[in-house]
Amino acid sequence: MKKKGPEIKDLTVQELQDKLADTRQTLGKLRFNHALSPIESPAQLRTKRKEVARLLTELRTRQLTAK
């Protein structure tokens, strides 16, 4: 399930941090599995990286607006 735009904005800071940790863990597992034997869809790696970036961007935006 991809969360983009308004869906990410609806999450609380704690939910964003939990989602970020989970997504990073999934990305790490995908990278490890891909290093051992090629995964069926390498596009999954790109998708997870972009999801991490979206979550980090939203966290940073909230951090800056809180100041």
N, C-alpha and C. Protein backbone atom coordinates (compact mmCIF):
# COMPACT_ATOMS: atom_id res chain seq x y z
N MET A 1 0.84 -1.17 0.00
CA MET A 1 0.00 0.00 0.00
C MET A 1 0.88 1.23 0.00
N LYS A 2 0.76 2.03 -1.02
CA LYS A 2 1.54 3.26 -1.14
C LYS A 2 0.77 4.41 -0.54
N LYS A 3 1.46 5.23 0.21
CA LYS A 3 0.85 6.44 0.75
C LYS A 3 1.53 7.62 0.09
N LYS A 4 0.75 8.41 -0.59
CA LYS A 4 1.27 9.60 -1.25
C LYS A 4 0.46 10.80 -0.82
N GLY A 5 1.05 11.95 -0.99
CA GLY A 5 0.38 13.22 -0.82
C GLY A 5 -0.52 13.34 0.38
N PRO A 6 -1.81 13.53 0.16
CA PRO A 6 -2.74 13.78 1.26
C PRO A 6 -2.81 12.63 2.26
N GLU A 7 -2.61 11.40 1.81
CA GLU A 7 -2.66 10.27 2.72
C GLU A 7 -1.54 10.34 3.75
N ILE A 8 -0.35 10.75 3.35
CA ILE A 8 0.77 10.89 4.26
C ILE A 8 0.53 12.06 5.20
N LYS A 9 -0.06 13.10 4.70
CA LYS A 9 -0.31 14.30 5.51
C LYS A 9 -1.33 14.03 6.62
N ASP A 10 -2.15 13.01 6.47
CA ASP A 10 -3.15 12.66 7.48
C ASP A 10 -2.56 11.90 8.67
N LEU A 11 -1.35 11.37 8.52
CA LEU A 11 -0.73 10.59 9.59
C LEU A 11 -0.15 11.50 10.66
N THR A 12 -0.09 10.99 11.89
CA THR A 12 0.56 11.73 12.97
C THR A 12 2.07 11.56 12.85
N VAL A 13 2.81 12.34 13.62
CA VAL A 13 4.27 12.26 13.58
C VAL A 13 4.74 10.86 14.00
N GLN A 14 4.12 10.32 15.04
CA GLN A 14 4.50 8.98 15.51
C GLN A 14 4.21 7.92 14.45
N GLU A 15 3.07 8.04 13.79
CA GLU A 15 2.74 7.10 12.73
C GLU A 15 3.72 7.22 11.57
N LEU A 16 4.13 8.44 11.25
CA LEU A 16 5.12 8.65 10.19
C LEU A 16 6.45 7.99 10.55
N GLN A 17 6.87 8.15 11.80
CA GLN A 17 8.13 7.55 12.23
C GLN A 17 8.06 6.03 12.21
N ASP A 18 6.93 5.48 12.63
CA ASP A 18 6.75 4.02 12.59
C ASP A 18 6.76 3.51 11.16
N LYS A 19 6.05 4.22 10.29
CA LYS A 19 5.99 3.84 8.88
C LYS A 19 7.38 3.93 8.24
N LEU A 20 8.14 4.96 8.61
CA LEU A 20 9.49 5.14 8.08
C LEU A 20 10.39 3.98 8.50
N ALA A 21 10.33 3.61 9.78
CA ALA A 21 11.15 2.49 10.27
C ALA A 21 10.79 1.20 9.56
N ASP A 22 9.50 0.97 9.39
CA ASP A 22 9.04 -0.25 8.72
C ASP A 22 9.47 -0.27 7.25
N THR A 23 9.35 0.85 6.58
CA THR A 23 9.73 0.93 5.17
C THR A 23 11.23 0.75 4.99
N ARG A 24 12.02 1.34 5.88
CA ARG A 24 13.48 1.17 5.81
C ARG A 24 13.87 -0.29 6.03
N GLN A 25 13.18 -0.96 6.95
CA GLN A 25 13.47 -2.36 7.21
C GLN A 25 13.13 -3.21 5.98
N THR A 26 12.01 -2.93 5.37
CA THR A 26 11.60 -3.65 4.16
C THR A 26 12.60 -3.41 3.03
N LEU A 27 13.05 -2.17 2.89
CA LEU A 27 14.04 -1.84 1.86
C LEU A 27 15.35 -2.59 2.09
N GLY A 28 15.76 -2.67 3.33
CA GLY A 28 16.98 -3.42 3.67
C GLY A 28 16.86 -4.89 3.30
N LYS A 29 15.71 -5.47 3.60
CA LYS A 29 15.49 -6.88 3.26
C LYS A 29 15.49 -7.08 1.74
N LEU A 30 14.85 -6.15 1.02
CA LEU A 30 14.83 -6.26 -0.44
C LEU A 30 16.24 -6.17 -1.02
N ARG A 31 17.05 -5.25 -0.50
CA ARG A 31 18.43 -5.11 -0.97
C ARG A 31 19.24 -6.37 -0.70
N PHE A 32 19.05 -6.93 0.50
CA PHE A 32 19.78 -8.14 0.86
C PHE A 32 19.38 -9.29 -0.06
N ASN A 33 18.08 -9.48 -0.25
CA ASN A 33 17.61 -10.55 -1.13
C ASN A 33 18.07 -10.34 -2.56
N HIS A 34 18.12 -9.11 -3.00
CA HIS A 34 18.55 -8.81 -4.36
C HIS A 34 20.05 -9.08 -4.53
N ALA A 35 20.81 -8.89 -3.47
CA ALA A 35 22.25 -9.16 -3.54
C ALA A 35 22.52 -10.66 -3.64
N LEU A 36 21.68 -11.46 -2.98
CA LEU A 36 21.87 -12.91 -3.02
C LEU A 36 21.43 -13.50 -4.35
N SER A 37 20.25 -13.14 -4.76
CA SER A 37 19.75 -13.57 -6.06
C SER A 37 18.80 -12.50 -6.55
N PRO A 38 18.85 -12.20 -7.83
CA PRO A 38 18.02 -11.11 -8.36
C PRO A 38 16.54 -11.31 -8.05
N ILE A 39 15.90 -10.25 -7.57
CA ILE A 39 14.47 -10.33 -7.30
C ILE A 39 13.70 -10.15 -8.61
N GLU A 40 12.44 -10.58 -8.60
CA GLU A 40 11.65 -10.54 -9.83
C GLU A 40 11.47 -9.13 -10.37
N SER A 41 11.23 -8.19 -9.46
CA SER A 41 10.95 -6.83 -9.90
C SER A 41 11.88 -5.84 -9.18
N PRO A 42 12.99 -5.48 -9.81
CA PRO A 42 13.90 -4.51 -9.20
C PRO A 42 13.27 -3.13 -9.01
N ALA A 43 12.15 -2.88 -9.64
CA ALA A 43 11.45 -1.61 -9.48
C ALA A 43 10.94 -1.45 -8.05
N GLN A 44 10.80 -2.56 -7.33
CA GLN A 44 10.39 -2.49 -5.92
C GLN A 44 11.39 -1.69 -5.10
N LEU A 45 12.66 -1.83 -5.42
CA LEU A 45 13.71 -1.10 -4.71
C LEU A 45 13.51 0.40 -4.89
N ARG A 46 13.27 0.82 -6.11
CA ARG A 46 13.06 2.23 -6.41
C ARG A 46 11.81 2.76 -5.70
N THR A 47 10.76 1.98 -5.71
CA THR A 47 9.51 2.38 -5.08
C THR A 47 9.70 2.58 -3.58
N LYS A 48 10.40 1.66 -2.92
CA LYS A 48 10.63 1.77 -1.48
C LYS A 48 11.53 2.97 -1.16
N ARG A 49 12.54 3.20 -1.99
CA ARG A 49 13.43 4.36 -1.77
C ARG A 49 12.63 5.65 -1.85
N LYS A 50 11.74 5.74 -2.83
CA LYS A 50 10.93 6.95 -2.99
C LYS A 50 9.95 7.11 -1.83
N GLU A 51 9.44 6.01 -1.33
CA GLU A 51 8.52 6.07 -0.19
C GLU A 51 9.25 6.58 1.05
N VAL A 52 10.49 6.12 1.25
CA VAL A 52 11.31 6.61 2.37
C VAL A 52 11.53 8.11 2.21
N ALA A 53 11.83 8.55 1.02
CA ALA A 53 12.07 9.97 0.76
C ALA A 53 10.81 10.80 1.04
N ARG A 54 9.66 10.30 0.64
CA ARG A 54 8.41 11.02 0.89
C ARG A 54 8.15 11.18 2.40
N LEU A 55 8.39 10.09 3.14
CA LEU A 55 8.17 10.13 4.58
C LEU A 55 9.15 11.09 5.26
N LEU A 56 10.41 11.05 4.84
CA LEU A 56 11.40 11.95 5.42
C LEU A 56 11.07 13.41 5.10
N THR A 57 10.59 13.65 3.90
CA THR A 57 10.22 15.01 3.50
C THR A 57 9.08 15.53 4.36
N GLU A 58 8.08 14.70 4.58
CA GLU A 58 6.93 15.12 5.40
C GLU A 58 7.36 15.36 6.85
N LEU A 59 8.21 14.50 7.39
CA LEU A 59 8.70 14.71 8.75
C LEU A 59 9.48 16.01 8.86
N ARG A 60 10.32 16.29 7.89
CA ARG A 60 11.12 17.51 7.90
C ARG A 60 10.23 18.75 7.77
N THR A 61 9.23 18.67 6.93
CA THR A 61 8.30 19.79 6.76
C THR A 61 7.59 20.10 8.07
N ARG A 62 7.15 19.07 8.75
CA ARG A 62 6.47 19.28 10.03
C ARG A 62 7.42 19.82 11.08
N GLN A 63 8.67 19.38 11.04
CA GLN A 63 9.66 19.87 11.98
C GLN A 63 9.90 21.36 11.77
N LEU A 64 9.98 21.80 10.53
CA LEU A 64 10.23 23.20 10.23
C LEU A 64 9.02 24.08 10.54
N THR A 65 7.81 23.57 10.33
CA THR A 65 6.63 24.37 10.61
C THR A 65 6.35 24.46 12.11
N ALA A 66 6.88 23.52 12.88
CA ALA A 66 6.67 23.54 14.34
C ALA A 66 7.52 24.63 15.01
N LYS A 67 8.59 25.05 14.34
CA LYS A 67 9.48 26.06 14.93
C LYS A 67 8.94 27.44 14.82
